[in-house]
C-alpha atoms as a PDB file:
ATOM      1  CA  MET A   1       8.451  14.767  -4.287  1.00  0.00           C
ATOM      2  CA  ALA A   2       6.298  16.509  -6.916  1.00  0.00           C
ATOM      3  CA  TRP A   3       3.437  18.526  -5.420  1.00  0.00           C
ATOM      4  CA  TYR A   4       1.494  21.133  -7.378  1.00  0.00           C
ATOM      5  CA  PRO A   5       2.044  24.537  -5.707  1.00  0.00           C
ATOM      6  CA  GLY A   6      -1.637  25.504  -5.878  1.00  0.00           C
ATOM      7  CA  ALA A   7      -2.997  22.284  -4.348  1.00  0.00           C
ATOM      8  CA  ILE A   8      -4.273  21.429  -0.887  1.00  0.00           C
ATOM      9  CA  ARG A   9      -2.090  18.473   0.058  1.00  0.00           C
ATOM     10  CA  LYS A  10      -3.906  15.422   1.464  1.00  0.00           C
ATOM     11  CA  GLU A  11      -1.494  12.569   0.975  1.00  0.00           C
ATOM     12  CA  VAL A  12      -2.573   8.957   0.433  1.00  0.00           C
ATOM     13  CA  THR A  13       0.641   7.404   1.665  1.00  0.00           C
ATOM     14  CA  ARG A  14       0.285   3.831   0.399  1.00  0.00           C
ATOM     15  CA  HIS A  15       1.251   4.707  -3.180  1.00  0.00           C
ATOM     16  CA  ARG A  16       5.030   4.526  -3.581  1.00  0.00           C
ATOM     17  CA  THR A  17       5.620   2.936  -7.000  1.00  0.00           C
ATOM     18  CA  PRO A  18       7.662   5.371  -9.136  1.00  0.00           C
ATOM     19  CA  MET A  19       6.275   6.575 -12.450  1.00  0.00           C
ATOM     20  CA  ALA A  20       7.988   4.870 -15.397  1.00  0.00           C
ATOM     21  CA  ARG A  21       7.697   7.961 -17.612  1.00  0.00           C
ATOM     22  CA  TYR A  22       5.447  10.959 -18.222  1.00  0.00           C
ATOM     23  CA  ARG A  23       3.545  10.893 -21.452  1.00  0.00           C
ATOM     24  CA  GLY A  24       0.294  12.620 -20.574  1.00  0.00           C
ATOM     25  CA  VAL A  25      -2.439  13.944 -18.335  1.00  0.00           C
ATOM     26  CA  CYS A  26      -5.704  11.984 -18.100  1.00  0.00           C
ATOM     27  CA  ASN A  27      -8.792  14.024 -17.181  1.00  0.00           C
ATOM     28  CA  HIS A  28     -11.708  12.271 -15.438  1.00  0.00           C
ATOM     29  CA  VAL A  29     -15.069  13.166 -13.917  1.00  0.00           C
ATOM     30  CA  ALA A  30     -15.758  11.754 -10.447  1.00  0.00           C
ATOM     31  CA  VAL A  31     -19.565  11.501 -10.806  1.00  0.00           C
ATOM     32  CA  SER A  32     -19.626  13.077  -7.356  1.00  0.00           C
ATOM     33  CA  GLU A  33     -20.420  16.417  -5.764  1.00  0.00           C
ATOM     34  CA  ALA A  34     -18.161  15.736  -2.764  1.00  0.00           C
ATOM     35  CA  ALA A  35     -15.823  18.556  -1.775  1.00  0.00           C
ATOM     36  CA  SER A  36     -13.031  16.012  -1.293  1.00  0.00           C
ATOM     37  CA  LEU A  37     -12.316  12.417  -2.331  1.00  0.00           C
ATOM     38  CA  PHE A  38      -9.606  11.891   0.278  1.00  0.00           C
ATOM     39  CA  GLY A  39     -11.764   9.754   2.593  1.00  0.00           C
ATOM     40  CA  TYR A  40     -12.623   7.359  -0.252  1.00  0.00           C
ATOM     41  CA  PHE A  41      -9.161   7.300  -1.830  1.00  0.00           C
ATOM     42  CA  ASN A  42      -7.483   6.740   1.539  1.00  0.00           C
ATOM     43  CA  GLU A  43      -9.301   3.431   2.061  1.00  0.00           C
ATOM     44  CA  PRO A  44      -7.060   0.472   1.086  1.00  0.00           C
ATOM     45  CA  GLY A  45      -8.138  -1.176  -2.146  1.00  0.00           C
ATOM     46  CA  ASN A  46      -9.855   1.893  -3.604  1.00  0.00           C
ATOM     47  CA  PRO A  47      -8.500   3.594  -6.733  1.00  0.00           C
ATOM     48  CA  THR A  48      -6.763   6.950  -6.334  1.00  0.00           C
ATOM     49  CA  SER A  49      -6.053   9.876  -8.650  1.00  0.00           C
ATOM     50  CA  HIS A  50      -3.222  12.363  -8.321  1.00  0.00           C
ATOM     51  CA  PHE A  51      -5.609  15.361  -8.205  1.00  0.00           C
ATOM     52  CA  TYR A  52      -9.236  16.327  -7.564  1.00  0.00           C
ATOM     53  CA  VAL A  53     -10.551  19.659  -8.875  1.00  0.00           C
ATOM     54  CA  ARG A  54     -13.720  21.084  -7.337  1.00  0.00           C
ATOM     55  CA  LYS A  55     -16.188  23.200  -9.316  1.00  0.00           C
ATOM     56  CA  SER A  56     -14.796  26.220  -7.451  1.00  0.00           C
ATOM     57  CA  GLY A  57     -11.394  25.498  -8.993  1.00  0.00           C
ATOM     58  CA  VAL A  58      -9.830  24.509  -5.677  1.00  0.00           C
ATOM     59  CA  VAL A  59      -7.601  21.469  -6.171  1.00  0.00           C
ATOM     60  CA  GLU A  60      -6.542  18.718  -3.783  1.00  0.00           C
ATOM     61  CA  GLN A  61      -3.529  16.490  -4.447  1.00  0.00           C
ATOM     62  CA  TYR A  62      -3.400  12.990  -2.994  1.00  0.00           C
ATOM     63  CA  VAL A  63      -0.337  11.411  -4.611  1.00  0.00           C
ATOM     64  CA  SER A  64       2.967  12.990  -5.569  1.00  0.00           C
ATOM     65  CA  THR A  65       3.405  12.848  -9.335  1.00  0.00           C
ATOM     66  CA  ALA A  66       6.706  11.113  -8.635  1.00  0.00           C
ATOM     67  CA  TYR A  67       4.541   8.036  -7.926  1.00  0.00           C
ATOM     68  CA  ARG A  68       1.798   6.176  -9.784  1.00  0.00           C
ATOM     69  CA  ALA A  69      -1.822   6.793  -8.860  1.00  0.00           C
ATOM     70  CA  PRO A  70      -4.037   3.814  -9.763  1.00  0.00           C
ATOM     71  CA  ALA A  71      -6.779   5.593 -11.701  1.00  0.00           C
ATOM     72  CA  GLN A  72      -6.473   4.181 -15.220  1.00  0.00           C
ATOM     73  CA  LEU A  73      -5.207   0.570 -15.291  1.00  0.00           C
ATOM     74  CA  GLU A  74      -2.515   0.201 -17.988  1.00  0.00           C
ATOM     75  CA  GLY A  75      -2.013   3.957 -18.090  1.00  0.00           C
ATOM     76  CA  ASN A  76      -1.013   4.231 -14.424  1.00  0.00           C
ATOM     77  CA  SER A  77       2.725   4.031 -15.075  1.00  0.00           C
ATOM     78  CA  SER A  78       2.847   7.036 -17.419  1.00  0.00           C
ATOM     79  CA  MET A  79      -0.292   9.171 -16.953  1.00  0.00           C
ATOM     80  CA  ILE A  80      -0.981  11.910 -14.396  1.00  0.00           C
ATOM     81  CA  SER A  81      -4.630  11.551 -13.351  1.00  0.00           C
ATOM     82  CA  ILE A  82      -7.095  14.328 -12.502  1.00  0.00           C
ATOM     83  CA  GLU A  83     -10.574  13.654 -11.119  1.00  0.00           C
ATOM     84  CA  THR A  84     -13.073  16.518 -11.271  1.00  0.00           C
ATOM     85  CA  GLN A  85     -16.205  17.299  -9.283  1.00  0.00           C
ATOM     86  CA  GLY A  86     -19.481  16.847 -11.165  1.00  0.00           C
ATOM     87  CA  GLY A  87     -21.174  14.425 -13.519  1.00  0.00           C
ATOM     88  CA  VAL A  88     -23.940  13.348 -11.144  1.00  0.00           C
ATOM     89  CA  THR A  89     -26.611  14.682 -13.513  1.00  0.00           C
ATOM     90  CA  HIS A  90     -26.347  15.464 -17.225  1.00  0.00           C
ATOM     91  CA  LEU A  91     -23.027  13.631 -17.462  1.00  0.00           C
ATOM     92  CA  GLU A  92     -22.711  14.043 -21.226  1.00  0.00           C
ATOM     93  CA  THR A  93     -23.782  17.687 -21.410  1.00  0.00           C
ATOM     94  CA  GLU A  94     -22.353  19.211 -18.215  1.00  0.00           C
ATOM     95  CA  PRO A  95     -19.141  21.166 -18.941  1.00  0.00           C
ATOM     96  CA  TRP A  96     -16.335  21.953 -16.563  1.00  0.00           C
ATOM     97  CA  THR A  97     -16.828  25.287 -14.829  1.00  0.00           C
ATOM     98  CA  GLU A  98     -14.726  28.319 -15.711  1.00  0.00           C
ATOM     99  CA  ALA A  99     -12.788  27.869 -12.472  1.00  0.00           C
ATOM    100  CA  GLN A 100     -12.180  24.172 -13.203  1.00  0.00           C
ATOM    101  CA  LEU A 101     -10.885  25.002 -16.690  1.00  0.00           C
ATOM    102  CA  GLN A 102      -8.425  27.477 -15.218  1.00  0.00           C
ATOM    103  CA  THR A 103      -7.134  24.942 -12.674  1.00  0.00           C
ATOM    104  CA  LEU A 104      -6.929  22.104 -15.204  1.00  0.00           C
ATOM    105  CA  ALA A 105      -4.911  24.391 -17.479  1.00  0.00           C
ATOM    106  CA  GLY A 106      -2.653  25.306 -14.554  1.00  0.00           C
ATOM    107  CA  ILE A 107      -1.940  21.641 -13.778  1.00  0.00           C
ATOM    108  CA  ALA A 108      -1.319  20.905 -17.474  1.00  0.00           C
ATOM    109  CA  HIS A 109       1.126  23.808 -17.680  1.00  0.00           C
ATOM    110  CA  TRP A 110       2.885  22.636 -14.499  1.00  0.00           C
ATOM    111  CA  ALA A 111       3.096  19.037 -15.786  1.00  0.00           C
ATOM    112  CA  HIS A 112       4.589  20.375 -19.013  1.00  0.00           C
ATOM    113  CA  GLN A 113       7.245  22.378 -17.157  1.00  0.00           C
ATOM    114  CA  LEU A 114       8.102  19.748 -14.518  1.00  0.00           C
ATOM    115  CA  HIS A 115       7.605  16.465 -16.359  1.00  0.00           C
ATOM    116  CA  GLY A 116       7.825  17.403 -20.031  1.00  0.00           C
ATOM    117  CA  VAL A 117       4.212  16.501 -20.865  1.00  0.00           C
ATOM    118  CA  PRO A 118       3.554  18.066 -24.299  1.00  0.00           C
ATOM    119  CA  LEU A 119       0.705  20.565 -24.551  1.00  0.00           C
ATOM    120  CA  VAL A 120      -1.071  18.802 -27.407  1.00  0.00           C
ATOM    121  CA  ARG A 121      -4.326  16.867 -27.569  1.00  0.00           C
ATOM    122  CA  MET A 122      -4.138  13.090 -27.155  1.00  0.00           C
ATOM    123  CA  THR A 123      -6.206  11.299 -29.790  1.00  0.00           C
ATOM    124  CA  ASP A 124      -5.861   7.714 -28.506  1.00  0.00           C
ATOM    125  CA  SER A 125      -4.371   5.633 -25.694  1.00  0.00           C
ATOM    126  CA  ARG A 126      -1.517   4.029 -27.660  1.00  0.00           C
ATOM    127  CA  PRO A 127       1.693   3.893 -25.579  1.00  0.00           C
ATOM    128  CA  GLU A 128       3.476   6.257 -27.957  1.00  0.00           C
ATOM    129  CA  THR A 129       0.749   8.936 -27.886  1.00  0.00           C
ATOM    130  CA  ARG A 130       1.511  11.880 -25.616  1.00  0.00           C
ATOM    131  CA  GLY A 131      -0.262  15.026 -24.425  1.00  0.00           C
ATOM    132  CA  ILE A 132      -3.437  16.115 -22.637  1.00  0.00           C
ATOM    133  CA  GLY A 133      -6.123  13.446 -22.800  1.00  0.00           C
ATOM    134  CA  TYR A 134      -9.192  12.021 -21.101  1.00  0.00           C
ATOM    135  CA  HIS A 135     -10.321   8.702 -19.665  1.00  0.00           C
ATOM    136  CA  ARG A 136     -12.595   7.564 -22.514  1.00  0.00           C
ATOM    137  CA  LEU A 137      -9.630   7.248 -24.881  1.00  0.00           C
ATOM    138  CA  GLY A 138      -8.711   4.008 -23.100  1.00  0.00           C
ATOM    139  CA  ILE A 139     -12.248   2.629 -22.658  1.00  0.00           C
ATOM    140  CA  ASP A 140     -13.960   0.152 -25.011  1.00  0.00           C
ATOM    141  CA  PRO A 141     -15.526   0.612 -27.539  1.00  0.00           C
ATOM    142  CA  TRP A 142     -13.605   3.907 -28.139  1.00  0.00           C
ATOM    143  CA  ARG A 143     -10.192   2.350 -27.492  1.00  0.00           C
ATOM    144  CA  VAL A 144      -8.272   1.953 -30.753  1.00  0.00           C
ATOM    145  CA  ASP A 145      -6.254  -1.108 -31.798  1.00  0.00           C
ATOM    146  CA  GLY A 146      -2.994  -1.146 -29.862  1.00  0.00           C
ATOM    147  CA  GLY A 147      -4.331   1.327 -27.306  1.00  0.00           C
ATOM    148  CA  GLU A 148      -3.880   0.795 -23.600  1.00  0.00           C
ATOM    149  CA  ARG A 149      -6.905  -0.284 -21.586  1.00  0.00           C
ATOM    150  CA  TRP A 150      -7.685   2.381 -19.023  1.00  0.00           C
ATOM    151  CA  SER A 151     -10.870   0.897 -17.519  1.00  0.00           C
ATOM    152  CA  LYS A 152     -12.495  -2.514 -17.070  1.00  0.00           C
ATOM    153  CA  ALA A 153     -15.931  -0.956 -17.640  1.00  0.00           C
ATOM    154  CA  TYR A 154     -17.409  -1.165 -21.126  1.00  0.00           C
ATOM    155  CA  GLY A 155     -19.055   1.959 -22.489  1.00  0.00           C
ATOM    156  CA  LYS A 156     -17.999   4.265 -19.641  1.00  0.00           C
ATOM    157  CA  VAL A 157     -18.217   7.791 -21.117  1.00  0.00           C
ATOM    158  CA  CYS A 158     -15.895   9.552 -18.628  1.00  0.00           C
ATOM    159  CA  PRO A 159     -15.634  12.530 -18.582  1.00  0.00           C
ATOM    160  CA  GLY A 160     -18.565  13.173 -20.968  1.00  0.00           C
ATOM    161  CA  ASN A 161     -18.900  14.859 -24.366  1.00  0.00           C
ATOM    162  CA  ALA A 162     -19.172  18.435 -23.080  1.00  0.00           C
ATOM    163  CA  LYS A 163     -15.973  18.140 -21.088  1.00  0.00           C
ATOM    164  CA  ILE A 164     -14.100  16.354 -23.872  1.00  0.00           C
ATOM    165  CA  ALA A 165     -14.960  19.264 -26.147  1.00  0.00           C
ATOM    166  CA  GLN A 166     -13.180  21.578 -23.668  1.00  0.00           C
ATOM    167  CA  ILE A 167      -9.793  19.811 -23.887  1.00  0.00           C
ATOM    168  CA  PRO A 168      -8.529  22.191 -26.638  1.00  0.00           C
ATOM    169  CA  GLU A 169      -9.446  25.155 -24.397  1.00  0.00           C
ATOM    170  CA  ILE A 170      -7.440  23.659 -21.524  1.00  0.00           C
ATOM    171  CA  ILE A 171      -4.428  23.280 -23.807  1.00  0.00           C
ATOM    172  CA  ALA A 172      -4.781  26.811 -25.173  1.00  0.00           C
ATOM    173  CA  ARG A 173      -4.900  28.252 -21.654  1.00  0.00           C
ATOM    174  CA  ALA A 174      -1.934  26.139 -20.572  1.00  0.00           C
ATOM    175  CA  LYS A 175       0.044  27.551 -23.469  1.00  0.00           C
ATOM    176  CA  GLY A 176      -1.091  31.112 -22.735  1.00  0.00           C
ATOM    177  CA  SER A 177       0.654  33.810 -20.801  1.00  0.00           C
ATOM    178  CA  ALA A 178      -1.706  34.015 -17.784  1.00  0.00           C
ATOM    179  CA  GLU A 179       0.924  32.500 -15.520  1.00  0.00           C
ATOM    180  CA  GLY A 180       2.023  33.237 -11.982  1.00  0.00           C
ATOM    181  CA  ASP A 181       5.618  33.902 -11.049  1.00  0.00           C
ATOM    182  CA  ASP A 182       6.035  30.265 -10.041  1.00  0.00           C
ATOM    183  CA  GLY A 183       4.977  28.979 -13.445  1.00  0.00           C
ATOM    184  CA  THR A 184       1.420  28.047 -12.487  1.00  0.00           C
ATOM    185  CA  MET A 185      -1.732  29.585 -13.884  1.00  0.00           C
ATOM    186  CA  ALA A 186      -3.118  32.627 -12.058  1.00  0.00           C
ATOM    187  CA  TRP A 187      -5.858  31.818  -9.545  1.00  0.00           C
ATOM    188  CA  THR A 188      -9.431  32.916 -10.084  1.00  0.00           C
ATOM    189  CA  ASP A 189     -11.377  34.866  -7.448  1.00  0.00           C
ATOM    190  CA  ALA A 190     -13.424  31.732  -6.736  1.00  0.00           C
ATOM    191  CA  GLN A 191     -10.268  29.683  -6.107  1.00  0.00           C
ATOM    192  CA  ILE A 192      -8.850  32.318  -3.785  1.00  0.00           C
ATOM    193  CA  ALA A 193     -12.106  32.606  -1.828  1.00  0.00           C
ATOM    194  CA  ALA A 194     -12.471  28.830  -1.476  1.00  0.00           C
ATOM    195  CA  THR A 195      -8.861  28.423  -0.373  1.00  0.00           C
ATOM    196  CA  LEU A 196      -9.217  31.190   2.213  1.00  0.00           C
ATOM    197  CA  ALA A 197     -12.329  29.473   3.558  1.00  0.00           C
ATOM    198  CA  HIS A 198     -10.381  26.225   3.851  1.00  0.00           C
ATOM    199  CA  LEU A 199      -7.534  27.981   5.674  1.00  0.00           C
ATOM    200  CA  LYS A 200      -9.984  29.663   8.079  1.00  0.00           C
ATOM    201  CA  GLU A 201     -11.581  26.292   8.809  1.00  0.00           C
ATOM    202  CA  SER A 202      -8.160  24.743   9.448  1.00  0.00           C
ATOM    203  CA  SER A 203      -7.168  27.709  11.633  1.00  0.00           C
ATOM    204  CA  ALA A 204     -10.323  27.334  13.727  1.00  0.00           C
ATOM    205  CA  THR A 205      -9.553  23.650  14.263  1.00  0.00           C
ATOM    206  CA  LEU A 206      -5.978  24.427  15.294  1.00  0.00           C
ATOM    207  CA  ASN A 207      -7.228  27.078  17.732  1.00  0.00           C
ATOM    208  CA  GLU A 208      -9.533  24.523  19.337  1.00  0.00           C
ATOM    209  CA  VAL A 209      -6.637  22.072  19.724  1.00  0.00           C
ATOM    210  CA  ALA A 210      -4.413  24.798  21.189  1.00  0.00           C
ATOM    211  CA  GLN A 211      -7.104  25.790  23.695  1.00  0.00           C
ATOM    212  CA  LEU A 212      -7.549  22.147  24.710  1.00  0.00           C
ATOM    213  CA  LEU A 213      -3.801  21.806  25.274  1.00  0.00           C
ATOM    214  CA  ARG A 214      -3.734  24.996  27.339  1.00  0.00           C
ATOM    215  CA  THR A 215      -6.593  23.703  29.487  1.00  0.00           C
ATOM    216  CA  HIS A 216      -4.787  20.408  30.109  1.00  0.00           C
ATOM    217  CA  ALA A 217      -1.574  22.282  30.974  1.00  0.00           C
ATOM    218  CA  GLU A 218      -3.438  24.427  33.527  1.00  0.00           C
ATOM    219  CA  ARG A 219      -4.987  21.346  35.106  1.00  0.00           C
ATOM    220  CA  MET A 220      -1.565  19.708  35.393  1.00  0.00           C
ATOM    221  CA  ASP A 221      -0.147  22.840  37.013  1.00  0.00           C
ATOM    222  CA  ASN A 222      -3.000  22.877  39.514  1.00  0.00           C
ATOM    223  CA  LEU A 223      -2.502  19.207  40.380  1.00  0.00           C
ATOM    224  CA  VAL A 224       1.236  19.694  40.892  1.00  0.00           C
ATOM    225  CA  ASN A 225       0.696  22.781  43.059  1.00  0.00           C
ATOM    226  CA  GLN A 226      -1.888  20.954  45.167  1.00  0.00           C
ATOM    227  CA  GLN A 227       0.400  17.998  45.763  1.00  0.00           C
ATOM    228  CA  LEU A 228       3.655  19.905  46.306  1.00  0.00           C
ATOM    229  CA  PRO A 229       3.078  20.659  50.040  1.00  0.00           C
ATOM    230  CA  GLU A 230       2.345  16.995  50.730  1.00  0.00           C
ATOM    231  CA  LEU A 231       5.372  15.887  48.732  1.00  0.00           C
ATOM    232  CA  ARG A 232       7.628  18.393  50.514  1.00  0.00           C
ATOM    233  CA  SER A 233       6.389  17.157  53.904  1.00  0.00           C
ATOM    234  CA  GLU A 234       7.124  13.543  52.945  1.00  0.00           C
ATOM    235  CA  MET A 235      10.586  14.468  51.683  1.00  0.00           C
ATOM    236  CA  ASP A 236      11.377  16.365  54.918  1.00  0.00           C
ATOM    237  CA  SER A 237      10.306  13.333  56.934  1.00  0.00           C
ATOM    238  CA  VAL A 238      12.554  11.077  54.864  1.00  0.00           C
ATOM    239  CA  ARG A 239      15.496  13.449  55.279  1.00  0.00           C
ATOM    240  CA  LYS A 240      15.042  13.520  59.088  1.00  0.00           C
ATOM    241  CA  SER A 241      14.862   9.727  59.189  1.00  0.00           C
ATOM    242  CA  VAL A 242      18.027   9.398  57.106  1.00  0.00           C
ATOM    243  CA  SER A 243      19.859  11.898  59.287  1.00  0.00           C
ATOM    244  CA  LEU A 244      18.832  10.088  62.476  1.00  0.00           C
ATOM    245  CA  THR A 245      19.859   6.729  61.062  1.00  0.00           C
ATOM    246  CA  ALA A 246      23.257   8.111  60.029  1.00  0.00           C
ATOM    247  CA  THR A 247      23.800   9.492  63.574  1.00  0.00           C
ATOM    248  CA  ARG A 248      22.953   6.105  65.094  1.00  0.00           C
ATOM    249  CA  LEU A 249      25.349   4.364  62.754  1.00  0.00           C
ATOM    250  CA  ASP A 250      28.034   6.863  63.684  1.00  0.00           C
ATOM    251  CA  TYR A 251      27.509   5.883  67.323  1.00  0.00           C
ATOM    252  CA  LEU A 252      27.771   2.171  66.486  1.00  0.00           C
ATOM    253  CA  ALA A 253      30.876   2.760  64.411  1.00  0.00           C
ATOM    254  CA  ASN A 254      32.613   4.629  67.215  1.00  0.00           C
ATOM    255  CA  ASN A 255      31.743   2.078  69.880  1.00  0.00           C
ATOM    256  CA  ALA A 256      32.012  -1.177  67.980  1.00  0.00           C
ATOM    257  CA  GLY A 257      35.135  -3.249  67.885  1.00  0.00           C
ATOM    258  CA  PRO A 258      37.702  -2.861  65.103  1.00  0.00           C
ATOM    259  CA  ALA A 259      36.380  -6.012  63.393  1.00  0.00           C
ATOM    260  CA  VAL A 260      33.032  -4.400  62.425  1.00  0.00           C
ATOM    261  CA  LYS A 261      33.903  -0.702  62.405  1.00  0.00           C
ATOM    262  CA  ASP A 262      34.791  -0.522  58.673  1.00  0.00           C
ATOM    263  CA  ASP A 263      31.555  -2.302  57.681  1.00  0.00           C
ATOM    264  CA  VAL A 264      29.432  -0.006  59.856  1.00  0.00           C
ATOM    265  CA  ASP A 265      31.181   3.060  58.396  1.00  0.00           C
ATOM    266  CA  ALA A 266      30.371   1.889  54.872  1.00  0.00           C
ATOM    267  CA  ILE A 267      26.705   1.297  55.719  1.00  0.00           C
ATOM    268  CA  ARG A 268      26.468   4.687  57.444  1.00  0.00           C
ATOM    269  CA  ASP A 269      27.927   6.512  54.411  1.00  0.00           C
ATOM    270  CA  HIS A 270      25.538   4.709  52.068  1.00  0.00           C
ATOM    271  CA  VAL A 271      22.466   5.571  54.148  1.00  0.00           C
ATOM    272  CA  ALA A 272      23.501   9.179  54.792  1.00  0.00           C
ATOM    273  CA  GLY A 273      24.082  10.090  51.158  1.00  0.00           C
ATOM    274  CA  ALA A 274      24.590  13.617  49.885  1.00  0.00           C
ATOM    275  CA  ASP A 275      21.672  15.061  51.884  1.00  0.00           C
ATOM    276  CA  SER A 276      23.420  14.212  55.163  1.00  0.00           C
ATOM    277  CA  ALA A 277      26.915  15.328  54.205  1.00  0.00           C
ATOM    278  CA  GLY A 278      27.196  17.456  57.322  1.00  0.00           C
ATOM    279  CA  THR A 279      26.319  14.552  59.613  1.00  0.00           C
ATOM    280  CA  THR A 280      28.712  12.231  57.811  1.00  0.00           C
ATOM    281  CA  ALA A 281      31.563  14.726  58.045  1.00  0.00           C
ATOM    282  CA  ALA A 282      30.940  15.169  61.746  1.00  0.00           C
ATOM    283  CA  GLY A 283      30.925  11.448  62.202  1.00  0.00           C
ATOM    284  CA  ASP A 284      34.251  11.141  60.407  1.00  0.00           C
ATOM    285  CA  SER A 285      35.708  13.834  62.685  1.00  0.00           C
ATOM    286  CA  GLU A 286      34.445  12.077  65.792  1.00  0.00           C
ATOM    287  CA  SER A 287      35.808   8.808  64.556  1.00  0.00           C
ATOM    288  CA  ALA A 288      39.178  10.363  63.986  1.00  0.00           C
ATOM    289  CA  GLN A 289      39.230  11.635  67.578  1.00  0.00           C
ATOM    290  CA  SER A 290      38.587   8.219  69.075  1.00  0.00           C
END
């Protein structure tokens, strides 16, 4: 499984077709201000990207890069896809934020190290072209002859001119030395703060679940404690009844004729059981004396 170390993992489990090869990274814009696309991507029939990068730089990963994410038609088998928050207004002129650039560079660097994606700019969607690209390369009318078709929509500008102009900056940062010990790009303050907020939210939810479980456990203990005296009384009554029955059978066994004595002994032993071992032993002794 290939999961980016800096990502919040929210797996869409229906995607299990292996990647055929790794030739590039395709950057998108979601045209959304949602903090997460998991709810949408997790619905059967909806497209899914490998990653989603918020404006804060926090990144979610939905599909392991070992598998295809259906985000760009003919490019699905060889392209790692990244959706980004934004594009609702000023689609062509809105750039990626500083935090988004840092995260996009980190993913590009990681894809280069893990999958061998070259840190060069893709100029078209031809199958032999490799590197860091963007969705519009495979969209008509920008798609070149022989290029793969990455969208059924005509004239879709994804991710927009301002963001496309930032692709060289992403590559430069990915090539740079601002790397963590694990080979990923260093996190920004905004990324750290957003991730901590997410962890606190998750921790609060877990605490609520734990408290609910503790409450249920206490209720179960109370119910058991309330019912124990009644159960003990019933068990004592059963034991007394079994003991009395075993004694009566002993009497029958000792006074019956030889023809039925063995059968009565067997029934007595079965009824007496382990709880009436003392009675049974006494019965055997009495029988031996007769």
